[in-house]
Amino acid sequence: MTDTQQDAQLHTARTLAEALPYMRRFTGQTFVIKYGGHAMGDAQLADDFARDVVLMKQVGINPVVVHGGGPQIGAMLDRLKIKSSFIDGLRVTDCETVDIVEMVLSGSINKAVVTAINGAGGVAVGISGKDGRLIQARKLQRTTRDPDSNIEKVLDLGFVGEPVSINPTLLQTFAKSDLIPVIAPIGVGEHGETYNINADTAAGKIAATLQAAKLVMLTDIAGVLDGNGELISKMTPERADELTREGVIKGGMIPKLETCLDAVANGVGAAHILDGRLPHVLLLETFTAAGVGTMIAA
């Protein structure tokens, strides 16, 4: 074993030792974790994530994992020579595309996450939002305004949905058992339609429905940054609104932050935006005194 590997193992051991007392304070409570970004594509980070989730379950926390899969969907569509486009960061999903989206999310990605957690000593079960009508959804409506005529037009995103309600019964059953749910963000419509739902949005709605202690969102950046590019460790909803109005928070961070703010406003204890590229980031942020990402709480 090299000195670097020994140092890494020692750091991990210290992290776990520091985290355990904090973790036990949340025994019996629910954490909803949105898993995506670079953390899903790196084998070592995926193993770290799986071990951290299993450890949470072992100390009495109820982790609920909601995963994304945009890059994997894009790769499969390319392999099948199916063209796709995006509007406002959302993939336009026609009949042909939604079948592929469901196949990738509910199939290969979901089972890979389940396998990793099971391999780390947990008992994970993969489901989609269609199982037990877990995520009941409707077609997402978006509009745009023509800059020349100033006429507002409705955008057709196809089978892109938004969650209307979450059926908590299935997840409450998992919470009372040793099982860890791993959820693919596929929703079911009123007439059985399949909808592709943004994983952040699905995780936020699930967290609010379950009145989770924490909503944790893994991203590919350090967290929310201030005007000087420095990480904001803790933020109130009022401060988040102020920074958004000032243009400090912008781009893809806005919808993530809006999801966190909505969850906190609807009863979630705190929301965390973390860099999923950091080893054991779940433990470092949520169970150590200093933390490493951004926490949003009232």
C-alpha atoms as a PDB file:
ATOM      1  CA  MET A   1       0.000   0.000   0.000  1.00  0.00           C
ATOM      2  CA  THR A   2       1.381   3.437  -0.931  1.00  0.00           C
ATOM      3  CA  ASP A   3       1.658   6.381   1.480  1.00  0.00           C
ATOM      4  CA  THR A   4      -1.114   8.142  -0.480  1.00  0.00           C
ATOM      5  CA  GLN A   5      -3.470   5.187  -0.068  1.00  0.00           C
ATOM      6  CA  GLN A   6      -2.657   4.977   3.644  1.00  0.00           C
ATOM      7  CA  ASP A   7      -3.364   8.697   4.054  1.00  0.00           C
ATOM      8  CA  ALA A   8      -6.678   8.304   2.226  1.00  0.00           C
ATOM      9  CA  GLN A   9      -7.712   5.404   4.455  1.00  0.00           C
ATOM     10  CA  LEU A  10      -6.758   7.358   7.585  1.00  0.00           C
ATOM     11  CA  HIS A  11      -8.752  10.387   6.412  1.00  0.00           C
ATOM     12  CA  THR A  12     -11.784   8.177   5.746  1.00  0.00           C
ATOM     13  CA  ALA A  13     -11.519   6.583   9.191  1.00  0.00           C
ATOM     14  CA  ARG A  14     -11.349   9.999  10.845  1.00  0.00           C
ATOM     15  CA  THR A  15     -14.318  11.202   8.798  1.00  0.00           C
ATOM     16  CA  LEU A  16     -16.425   8.228   9.879  1.00  0.00           C
ATOM     17  CA  ALA A  17     -15.377   8.613  13.519  1.00  0.00           C
ATOM     18  CA  GLU A  18     -16.367  12.289  13.500  1.00  0.00           C
ATOM     19  CA  ALA A  19     -19.601  11.630  11.634  1.00  0.00           C
ATOM     20  CA  LEU A  20     -21.071   8.854  13.777  1.00  0.00           C
ATOM     21  CA  PRO A  21     -22.125  11.000  16.787  1.00  0.00           C
ATOM     22  CA  TYR A  22     -23.884  13.455  14.444  1.00  0.00           C
ATOM     23  CA  MET A  23     -25.548  10.663  12.515  1.00  0.00           C
ATOM     24  CA  ARG A  24     -27.155   9.157  15.588  1.00  0.00           C
ATOM     25  CA  ARG A  25     -29.022  12.425  16.199  1.00  0.00           C
ATOM     26  CA  PHE A  26     -31.050  11.689  13.069  1.00  0.00           C
ATOM     27  CA  THR A  27     -32.090   8.149  13.982  1.00  0.00           C
ATOM     28  CA  GLY A  28     -35.589   7.485  12.660  1.00  0.00           C
ATOM     29  CA  GLN A  29     -35.552  10.462  10.286  1.00  0.00           C
ATOM     30  CA  THR A  30     -35.602  10.500   6.486  1.00  0.00           C
ATOM     31  CA  PHE A  31     -32.946  11.832   4.116  1.00  0.00           C
ATOM     32  CA  VAL A  32     -33.853  12.187   0.426  1.00  0.00           C
ATOM     33  CA  ILE A  33     -30.699  12.130  -1.701  1.00  0.00           C
ATOM     34  CA  LYS A  34     -30.626  13.186  -5.342  1.00  0.00           C
ATOM     35  CA  TYR A  35     -27.765  11.200  -6.888  1.00  0.00           C
ATOM     36  CA  GLY A  36     -26.352  12.335 -10.205  1.00  0.00           C
ATOM     37  CA  GLY A  37     -23.584  14.141 -12.017  1.00  0.00           C
ATOM     38  CA  HIS A  38     -19.962  13.055 -11.988  1.00  0.00           C
ATOM     39  CA  ALA A  39     -20.475  10.971  -8.849  1.00  0.00           C
ATOM     40  CA  MET A  40     -22.478   8.453 -10.899  1.00  0.00           C
ATOM     41  CA  GLY A  41     -19.817   8.107 -13.573  1.00  0.00           C
ATOM     42  CA  ASP A  42     -16.789   7.500 -11.346  1.00  0.00           C
ATOM     43  CA  ALA A  43     -16.468   3.945  -9.994  1.00  0.00           C
ATOM     44  CA  GLN A  44     -14.681   4.916  -6.771  1.00  0.00           C
ATOM     45  CA  LEU A  45     -17.107   7.740  -6.005  1.00  0.00           C
ATOM     46  CA  ALA A  46     -20.021   5.398  -6.698  1.00  0.00           C
ATOM     47  CA  ASP A  47     -18.578   2.926  -4.174  1.00  0.00           C
ATOM     48  CA  ASP A  48     -18.103   5.723  -1.611  1.00  0.00           C
ATOM     49  CA  PHE A  49     -21.686   6.863  -2.139  1.00  0.00           C
ATOM     50  CA  ALA A  50     -23.025   3.335  -1.704  1.00  0.00           C
ATOM     51  CA  ARG A  51     -21.077   2.777   1.529  1.00  0.00           C
ATOM     52  CA  ASP A  52     -22.260   6.107   2.954  1.00  0.00           C
ATOM     53  CA  VAL A  53     -25.906   5.300   2.194  1.00  0.00           C
ATOM     54  CA  VAL A  54     -25.559   1.882   3.815  1.00  0.00           C
ATOM     55  CA  LEU A  55     -23.954   3.435   6.892  1.00  0.00           C
ATOM     56  CA  MET A  56     -26.889   5.846   7.206  1.00  0.00           C
ATOM     57  CA  LYS A  57     -29.320   2.938   7.171  1.00  0.00           C
ATOM     58  CA  GLN A  58     -27.259   1.026   9.728  1.00  0.00           C
ATOM     59  CA  VAL A  59     -27.429   3.878  12.257  1.00  0.00           C
ATOM     60  CA  GLY A  60     -31.202   4.198  11.867  1.00  0.00           C
ATOM     61  CA  ILE A  61     -31.587   6.911   9.224  1.00  0.00           C
ATOM     62  CA  ASN A  62     -33.992   6.241   6.342  1.00  0.00           C
ATOM     63  CA  PRO A  63     -32.190   7.153   3.096  1.00  0.00           C
ATOM     64  CA  VAL A  64     -34.290   7.541  -0.052  1.00  0.00           C
ATOM     65  CA  VAL A  65     -32.198   7.747  -3.240  1.00  0.00           C
ATOM     66  CA  VAL A  66     -33.520   9.476  -6.368  1.00  0.00           C
ATOM     67  CA  HIS A  67     -31.138   9.228  -9.331  1.00  0.00           C
ATOM     68  CA  GLY A  68     -30.695  11.101 -12.576  1.00  0.00           C
ATOM     69  CA  GLY A  69     -29.206   9.857 -15.822  1.00  0.00           C
ATOM     70  CA  GLY A  70     -29.157  12.547 -18.506  1.00  0.00           C
ATOM     71  CA  PRO A  71     -25.741  11.650 -19.998  1.00  0.00           C
ATOM     72  CA  GLN A  72     -26.614   7.946 -20.131  1.00  0.00           C
ATOM     73  CA  ILE A  73     -29.927   8.713 -21.856  1.00  0.00           C
ATOM     74  CA  GLY A  74     -28.119  10.900 -24.370  1.00  0.00           C
ATOM     75  CA  ALA A  75     -25.580   8.164 -25.082  1.00  0.00           C
ATOM     76  CA  MET A  76     -28.299   5.579 -25.702  1.00  0.00           C
ATOM     77  CA  LEU A  77     -30.225   7.921 -28.005  1.00  0.00           C
ATOM     78  CA  ASP A  78     -27.023   8.513 -29.962  1.00  0.00           C
ATOM     79  CA  ARG A  79     -26.406   4.764 -30.258  1.00  0.00           C
ATOM     80  CA  LEU A  80     -29.925   4.287 -31.596  1.00  0.00           C
ATOM     81  CA  LYS A  81     -29.538   7.322 -33.898  1.00  0.00           C
ATOM     82  CA  ILE A  82     -32.539   9.053 -32.317  1.00  0.00           C
ATOM     83  CA  LYS A  83     -32.235  12.825 -32.429  1.00  0.00           C
ATOM     84  CA  SER A  84     -33.175  14.814 -29.345  1.00  0.00           C
ATOM     85  CA  SER A  85     -33.262  18.498 -28.494  1.00  0.00           C
ATOM     86  CA  PHE A  86     -33.439  20.653 -25.384  1.00  0.00           C
ATOM     87  CA  ILE A  87     -35.561  23.636 -24.390  1.00  0.00           C
ATOM     88  CA  ASP A  88     -34.546  25.530 -21.243  1.00  0.00           C
ATOM     89  CA  GLY A  89     -32.379  22.585 -20.204  1.00  0.00           C
ATOM     90  CA  LEU A  90     -35.216  20.051 -20.555  1.00  0.00           C
ATOM     91  CA  ARG A  91     -35.035  17.220 -23.072  1.00  0.00           C
ATOM     92  CA  VAL A  92     -37.951  17.288 -25.508  1.00  0.00           C
ATOM     93  CA  THR A  93     -39.415  13.811 -25.080  1.00  0.00           C
ATOM     94  CA  ASP A  94     -41.620  12.389 -27.837  1.00  0.00           C
ATOM     95  CA  CYS A  95     -43.217   8.920 -27.864  1.00  0.00           C
ATOM     96  CA  GLU A  96     -40.085   7.232 -29.157  1.00  0.00           C
ATOM     97  CA  THR A  97     -37.781   9.065 -26.770  1.00  0.00           C
ATOM     98  CA  VAL A  98     -39.836   8.465 -23.643  1.00  0.00           C
ATOM     99  CA  ASP A  99     -39.534   4.701 -24.148  1.00  0.00           C
ATOM    100  CA  ILE A 100     -35.747   5.020 -24.227  1.00  0.00           C
ATOM    101  CA  VAL A 101     -35.743   7.336 -21.205  1.00  0.00           C
ATOM    102  CA  GLU A 102     -37.772   4.832 -19.198  1.00  0.00           C
ATOM    103  CA  MET A 103     -35.609   1.916 -20.339  1.00  0.00           C
ATOM    104  CA  VAL A 104     -32.368   3.632 -19.298  1.00  0.00           C
ATOM    105  CA  LEU A 105     -33.566   5.214 -16.053  1.00  0.00           C
ATOM    106  CA  SER A 106     -35.651   2.323 -14.737  1.00  0.00           C
ATOM    107  CA  GLY A 107     -33.327  -0.303 -16.199  1.00  0.00           C
ATOM    108  CA  SER A 108     -29.559  -0.039 -16.466  1.00  0.00           C
ATOM    109  CA  ILE A 109     -28.984   3.032 -14.283  1.00  0.00           C
ATOM    110  CA  ASN A 110     -31.386   2.049 -11.527  1.00  0.00           C
ATOM    111  CA  LYS A 111     -30.006  -1.461 -11.299  1.00  0.00           C
ATOM    112  CA  ALA A 112     -26.407  -0.209 -11.266  1.00  0.00           C
ATOM    113  CA  VAL A 113     -27.164   1.960  -8.218  1.00  0.00           C
ATOM    114  CA  VAL A 114     -29.010  -0.908  -6.545  1.00  0.00           C
ATOM    115  CA  THR A 115     -26.107  -3.277  -7.214  1.00  0.00           C
ATOM    116  CA  ALA A 116     -23.586  -0.822  -5.744  1.00  0.00           C
ATOM    117  CA  ILE A 117     -25.587  -0.397  -2.526  1.00  0.00           C
ATOM    118  CA  ASN A 118     -26.134  -4.135  -2.206  1.00  0.00           C
ATOM    119  CA  GLY A 119     -22.430  -4.690  -2.797  1.00  0.00           C
ATOM    120  CA  ALA A 120     -21.667  -2.317   0.099  1.00  0.00           C
ATOM    121  CA  GLY A 121     -23.744  -4.450   2.465  1.00  0.00           C
ATOM    122  CA  GLY A 122     -27.156  -2.820   2.102  1.00  0.00           C
ATOM    123  CA  VAL A 123     -30.435  -4.168   0.802  1.00  0.00           C
ATOM    124  CA  ALA A 124     -31.555  -1.811  -1.953  1.00  0.00           C
ATOM    125  CA  VAL A 125     -34.699  -2.127  -4.052  1.00  0.00           C
ATOM    126  CA  GLY A 126     -35.068  -0.306  -7.366  1.00  0.00           C
ATOM    127  CA  ILE A 127     -38.414   1.215  -8.301  1.00  0.00           C
ATOM    128  CA  SER A 128     -39.702   3.870 -10.658  1.00  0.00           C
ATOM    129  CA  GLY A 129     -42.278   6.528  -9.986  1.00  0.00           C
ATOM    130  CA  LYS A 130     -44.791   4.366 -11.851  1.00  0.00           C
ATOM    131  CA  ASP A 131     -44.592   1.572  -9.258  1.00  0.00           C
ATOM    132  CA  GLY A 132     -47.502   1.903  -6.855  1.00  0.00           C
ATOM    133  CA  ARG A 133     -48.260   5.228  -8.597  1.00  0.00           C
ATOM    134  CA  LEU A 134     -45.463   6.628  -6.457  1.00  0.00           C
ATOM    135  CA  ILE A 135     -45.007   9.781  -8.582  1.00  0.00           C
ATOM    136  CA  GLN A 136     -48.273  10.971 -10.062  1.00  0.00           C
ATOM    137  CA  ALA A 137     -47.511  13.494 -12.759  1.00  0.00           C
ATOM    138  CA  ARG A 138     -48.901  15.791 -15.414  1.00  0.00           C
ATOM    139  CA  LYS A 139     -47.508  17.316 -18.569  1.00  0.00           C
ATOM    140  CA  LEU A 140     -45.098  20.160 -17.838  1.00  0.00           C
ATOM    141  CA  GLN A 141     -46.278  23.453 -19.316  1.00  0.00           C
ATOM    142  CA  ARG A 142     -43.689  26.012 -20.427  1.00  0.00           C
ATOM    143  CA  THR A 143     -44.194  29.245 -22.345  1.00  0.00           C
ATOM    144  CA  THR A 144     -41.946  31.644 -24.189  1.00  0.00           C
ATOM    145  CA  ARG A 145     -42.469  35.156 -25.505  1.00  0.00           C
ATOM    146  CA  ASP A 146     -41.629  36.041 -29.112  1.00  0.00           C
ATOM    147  CA  PRO A 147     -39.211  39.005 -28.944  1.00  0.00           C
ATOM    148  CA  ASP A 148     -40.605  40.526 -32.135  1.00  0.00           C
ATOM    149  CA  SER A 149     -44.361  40.186 -31.695  1.00  0.00           C
ATOM    150  CA  ASN A 150     -44.334  39.978 -27.863  1.00  0.00           C
ATOM    151  CA  ILE A 151     -46.836  37.141 -28.194  1.00  0.00           C
ATOM    152  CA  GLU A 152     -46.585  34.368 -25.632  1.00  0.00           C
ATOM    153  CA  LYS A 153     -46.357  30.849 -27.076  1.00  0.00           C
ATOM    154  CA  VAL A 154     -46.797  27.481 -25.399  1.00  0.00           C
ATOM    155  CA  LEU A 155     -43.805  25.165 -25.771  1.00  0.00           C
ATOM    156  CA  ASP A 156     -44.499  21.499 -26.384  1.00  0.00           C
ATOM    157  CA  LEU A 157     -41.936  19.400 -24.505  1.00  0.00           C
ATOM    158  CA  GLY A 158     -43.743  16.151 -25.233  1.00  0.00           C
ATOM    159  CA  PHE A 159     -43.760  13.659 -22.372  1.00  0.00           C
ATOM    160  CA  VAL A 160     -41.849  15.835 -19.941  1.00  0.00           C
ATOM    161  CA  GLY A 161     -43.774  15.927 -16.687  1.00  0.00           C
ATOM    162  CA  GLU A 162     -43.910  17.504 -13.285  1.00  0.00           C
ATOM    163  CA  PRO A 163     -44.944  15.715 -10.108  1.00  0.00           C
ATOM    164  CA  VAL A 164     -48.459  16.468  -8.924  1.00  0.00           C
ATOM    165  CA  SER A 165     -48.392  14.273  -5.849  1.00  0.00           C
ATOM    166  CA  ILE A 166     -46.343  11.557  -4.180  1.00  0.00           C
ATOM    167  CA  ASN A 167     -47.898   8.384  -2.797  1.00  0.00           C
ATOM    168  CA  PRO A 168     -45.936   7.932   0.454  1.00  0.00           C
ATOM    169  CA  THR A 169     -47.301   4.499   1.383  1.00  0.00           C
ATOM    170  CA  LEU A 170     -44.599   2.499  -0.388  1.00  0.00           C
ATOM    171  CA  LEU A 171     -41.768   4.629   0.993  1.00  0.00           C
ATOM    172  CA  GLN A 172     -43.171   4.470   4.525  1.00  0.00           C
ATOM    173  CA  THR A 173     -43.095   0.690   4.252  1.00  0.00           C
ATOM    174  CA  PHE A 174     -39.418   0.812   3.260  1.00  0.00           C
ATOM    175  CA  ALA A 175     -38.660   3.101   6.207  1.00  0.00           C
ATOM    176  CA  LYS A 176     -39.934   0.436   8.616  1.00  0.00           C
ATOM    177  CA  SER A 177     -37.696  -2.238   7.084  1.00  0.00           C
ATOM    178  CA  ASP A 178     -34.051  -2.807   6.188  1.00  0.00           C
ATOM    179  CA  LEU A 179     -34.746  -1.875   2.551  1.00  0.00           C
ATOM    180  CA  ILE A 180     -33.288   1.197   0.835  1.00  0.00           C
ATOM    181  CA  PRO A 181     -35.435   2.550  -2.022  1.00  0.00           C
ATOM    182  CA  VAL A 182     -33.677   3.680  -5.207  1.00  0.00           C
ATOM    183  CA  ILE A 183     -36.090   5.677  -7.368  1.00  0.00           C
ATOM    184  CA  ALA A 184     -36.001   6.346 -11.104  1.00  0.00           C
ATOM    185  CA  PRO A 185     -37.749   9.699 -11.793  1.00  0.00           C
ATOM    186  CA  ILE A 186     -40.441   8.398 -14.120  1.00  0.00           C
ATOM    187  CA  GLY A 187     -43.970   9.585 -13.403  1.00  0.00           C
ATOM    188  CA  VAL A 188     -47.382   8.222 -14.312  1.00  0.00           C
ATOM    189  CA  GLY A 189     -50.189  10.384 -15.646  1.00  0.00           C
ATOM    190  CA  GLU A 190     -53.897  10.309 -14.942  1.00  0.00           C
ATOM    191  CA  HIS A 191     -54.501   7.936 -17.845  1.00  0.00           C
ATOM    192  CA  GLY A 192     -51.353   5.856 -17.421  1.00  0.00           C
ATOM    193  CA  GLU A 193     -49.072   8.058 -19.526  1.00  0.00           C
ATOM    194  CA  THR A 194     -45.334   7.856 -18.879  1.00  0.00           C
ATOM    195  CA  TYR A 195     -43.577  11.122 -18.032  1.00  0.00           C
ATOM    196  CA  ASN A 196     -39.890  11.969 -17.872  1.00  0.00           C
ATOM    197  CA  ILE A 197     -39.369  14.048 -14.715  1.00  0.00           C
ATOM    198  CA  ASN A 198     -36.338  16.081 -13.721  1.00  0.00           C
ATOM    199  CA  ALA A 199     -34.610  14.176 -10.894  1.00  0.00           C
ATOM    200  CA  ASP A 200     -34.055  17.321  -8.801  1.00  0.00           C
ATOM    201  CA  THR A 201     -37.754  18.166  -8.981  1.00  0.00           C
ATOM    202  CA  ALA A 202     -38.787  14.610  -8.116  1.00  0.00           C
ATOM    203  CA  ALA A 203     -36.424  14.497  -5.128  1.00  0.00           C
ATOM    204  CA  GLY A 204     -37.714  17.823  -3.816  1.00  0.00           C
ATOM    205  CA  LYS A 205     -41.348  16.751  -4.049  1.00  0.00           C
ATOM    206  CA  ILE A 206     -40.614  13.413  -2.351  1.00  0.00           C
ATOM    207  CA  ALA A 207     -38.689  15.162   0.444  1.00  0.00           C
ATOM    208  CA  ALA A 208     -41.556  17.581   1.096  1.00  0.00           C
ATOM    209  CA  THR A 209     -44.158  14.801   1.082  1.00  0.00           C
ATOM    210  CA  LEU A 210     -42.169  12.715   3.563  1.00  0.00           C
ATOM    211  CA  GLN A 211     -41.299  15.779   5.678  1.00  0.00           C
ATOM    212  CA  ALA A 212     -37.682  14.691   5.409  1.00  0.00           C
ATOM    213  CA  ALA A 213     -35.038  15.989   7.790  1.00  0.00           C
ATOM    214  CA  LYS A 214     -32.781  16.679   4.817  1.00  0.00           C
ATOM    215  CA  LEU A 215     -32.854  16.994   1.042  1.00  0.00           C
ATOM    216  CA  VAL A 216     -29.354  16.401  -0.327  1.00  0.00           C
ATOM    217  CA  MET A 217     -28.520  17.240  -3.938  1.00  0.00           C
ATOM    218  CA  LEU A 218     -25.236  16.075  -5.459  1.00  0.00           C
ATOM    219  CA  THR A 219     -23.895  18.307  -8.227  1.00  0.00           C
ATOM    220  CA  ASP A 220     -20.655  18.901 -10.112  1.00  0.00           C
ATOM    221  CA  ILE A 221     -19.800  22.161  -8.347  1.00  0.00           C
ATOM    222  CA  ALA A 222     -18.766  22.996  -4.789  1.00  0.00           C
ATOM    223  CA  GLY A 223     -22.153  24.482  -3.854  1.00  0.00           C
ATOM    224  CA  VAL A 224     -23.629  27.976  -4.050  1.00  0.00           C
ATOM    225  CA  LEU A 225     -20.957  30.641  -4.592  1.00  0.00           C
ATOM    226  CA  ASP A 226     -21.034  34.331  -3.678  1.00  0.00           C
ATOM    227  CA  GLY A 227     -20.050  37.234  -5.924  1.00  0.00           C
ATOM    228  CA  ASN A 228     -16.368  36.588  -5.249  1.00  0.00           C
ATOM    229  CA  GLY A 229     -16.602  32.924  -6.150  1.00  0.00           C
ATOM    230  CA  GLU A 230     -16.395  31.823  -2.511  1.00  0.00           C
ATOM    231  CA  LEU A 231     -18.524  28.988  -1.178  1.00  0.00           C
ATOM    232  CA  ILE A 232     -21.546  29.995   0.913  1.00  0.00           C
ATOM    233  CA  SER A 233     -21.696  27.402   3.696  1.00  0.00           C
ATOM    234  CA  LYS A 234     -25.089  28.373   5.144  1.00  0.00           C
ATOM    235  CA  MET A 235     -27.910  30.345   3.582  1.00  0.00           C
ATOM    236  CA  THR A 236     -31.410  31.427   4.526  1.00  0.00           C
ATOM    237  CA  PRO A 237     -34.217  31.578   1.943  1.00  0.00           C
ATOM    238  CA  GLU A 238     -34.151  35.376   2.219  1.00  0.00           C
ATOM    239  CA  ARG A 239     -30.434  35.492   1.401  1.00  0.00           C
ATOM    240  CA  ALA A 240     -30.945  33.129  -1.531  1.00  0.00           C
ATOM    241  CA  ASP A 241     -33.677  35.378  -2.966  1.00  0.00           C
ATOM    242  CA  GLU A 242     -31.453  38.419  -2.559  1.00  0.00           C
ATOM    243  CA  LEU A 243     -28.490  36.828  -4.365  1.00  0.00           C
ATOM    244  CA  THR A 244     -30.745  35.620  -7.179  1.00  0.00           C
ATOM    245  CA  ARG A 245     -32.203  39.103  -7.700  1.00  0.00           C
ATOM    246  CA  GLU A 246     -28.669  40.520  -7.760  1.00  0.00           C
ATOM    247  CA  GLY A 247     -27.656  38.036 -10.454  1.00  0.00           C
ATOM    248  CA  VAL A 248     -25.031  36.368  -8.253  1.00  0.00           C
ATOM    249  CA  ILE A 249     -26.887  33.057  -8.454  1.00  0.00           C
ATOM    250  CA  LYS A 250     -27.548  32.255 -12.096  1.00  0.00           C
ATOM    251  CA  GLY A 251     -27.697  29.597 -14.779  1.00  0.00           C
ATOM    252  CA  GLY A 252     -28.285  25.991 -13.830  1.00  0.00           C
ATOM    253  CA  MET A 253     -27.951  26.751 -10.123  1.00  0.00           C
ATOM    254  CA  ILE A 254     -31.245  28.698 -10.122  1.00  0.00           C
ATOM    255  CA  PRO A 255     -33.599  25.713 -10.643  1.00  0.00           C
ATOM    256  CA  LYS A 256     -31.622  23.600  -8.140  1.00  0.00           C
ATOM    257  CA  LEU A 257     -31.846  26.344  -5.541  1.00  0.00           C
ATOM    258  CA  GLU A 258     -35.544  26.867  -6.274  1.00  0.00           C
ATOM    259  CA  THR A 259     -36.143  23.161  -5.618  1.00  0.00           C
ATOM    260  CA  CYS A 260     -34.292  23.423  -2.301  1.00  0.00           C
ATOM    261  CA  LEU A 261     -36.180  26.564  -1.268  1.00  0.00           C
ATOM    262  CA  ASP A 262     -39.522  24.994  -2.137  1.00  0.00           C
ATOM    263  CA  ALA A 263     -38.660  21.897  -0.099  1.00  0.00           C
ATOM    264  CA  VAL A 264     -37.641  23.946   2.948  1.00  0.00           C
ATOM    265  CA  ALA A 265     -40.781  26.091   2.632  1.00  0.00           C
ATOM    266  CA  ASN A 266     -42.854  22.892   2.664  1.00  0.00           C
ATOM    267  CA  GLY A 267     -41.454  21.370   5.827  1.00  0.00           C
ATOM    268  CA  VAL A 268     -38.068  19.825   4.949  1.00  0.00           C
ATOM    269  CA  GLY A 269     -35.599  20.487   7.768  1.00  0.00           C
ATOM    270  CA  ALA A 270     -32.694  21.593   5.557  1.00  0.00           C
ATOM    271  CA  ALA A 271     -31.510  21.278   1.977  1.00  0.00           C
ATOM    272  CA  HIS A 272     -27.892  20.733   0.955  1.00  0.00           C
ATOM    273  CA  ILE A 273     -26.196  21.362  -2.392  1.00  0.00           C
ATOM    274  CA  LEU A 274     -22.945  19.392  -2.549  1.00  0.00           C
ATOM    275  CA  ASP A 275     -20.058  18.572  -4.856  1.00  0.00           C
ATOM    276  CA  GLY A 276     -20.559  14.886  -5.635  1.00  0.00           C
ATOM    277  CA  ARG A 277     -16.967  14.646  -6.830  1.00  0.00           C
ATOM    278  CA  LEU A 278     -15.695  14.760  -3.233  1.00  0.00           C
ATOM    279  CA  PRO A 279     -15.182  11.339  -1.593  1.00  0.00           C
ATOM    280  CA  HIS A 280     -17.721  10.719   1.208  1.00  0.00           C
ATOM    281  CA  VAL A 281     -19.275  14.133   0.621  1.00  0.00           C
ATOM    282  CA  LEU A 282     -22.567  12.969   2.199  1.00  0.00           C
ATOM    283  CA  LEU A 283     -20.844  12.393   5.517  1.00  0.00           C
ATOM    284  CA  LEU A 284     -18.585  15.429   5.328  1.00  0.00           C
ATOM    285  CA  GLU A 285     -21.454  17.868   4.792  1.00  0.00           C
ATOM    286  CA  THR A 286     -24.329  16.460   6.768  1.00  0.00           C
ATOM    287  CA  PHE A 287     -22.526  14.905   9.732  1.00  0.00           C
ATOM    288  CA  THR A 288     -19.458  17.040  10.491  1.00  0.00           C
ATOM    289  CA  ALA A 289     -19.267  20.376  12.238  1.00  0.00           C
ATOM    290  CA  ALA A 290     -17.626  22.297   9.378  1.00  0.00           C
ATOM    291  CA  GLY A 291     -19.414  20.846   6.355  1.00  0.00           C
ATOM    292  CA  VAL A 292     -18.191  21.162   2.767  1.00  0.00           C
ATOM    293  CA  GLY A 293     -21.175  22.373   0.702  1.00  0.00           C
ATOM    294  CA  THR A 294     -24.081  24.794   0.994  1.00  0.00           C
ATOM    295  CA  MET A 295     -26.911  24.269   3.473  1.00  0.00           C
ATOM    296  CA  ILE A 296     -30.222  26.091   3.021  1.00  0.00           C
ATOM    297  CA  ALA A 297     -32.439  26.307   6.104  1.00  0.00           C
ATOM    298  CA  ALA A 298     -35.018  28.721   7.482  1.00  0.00           C
END
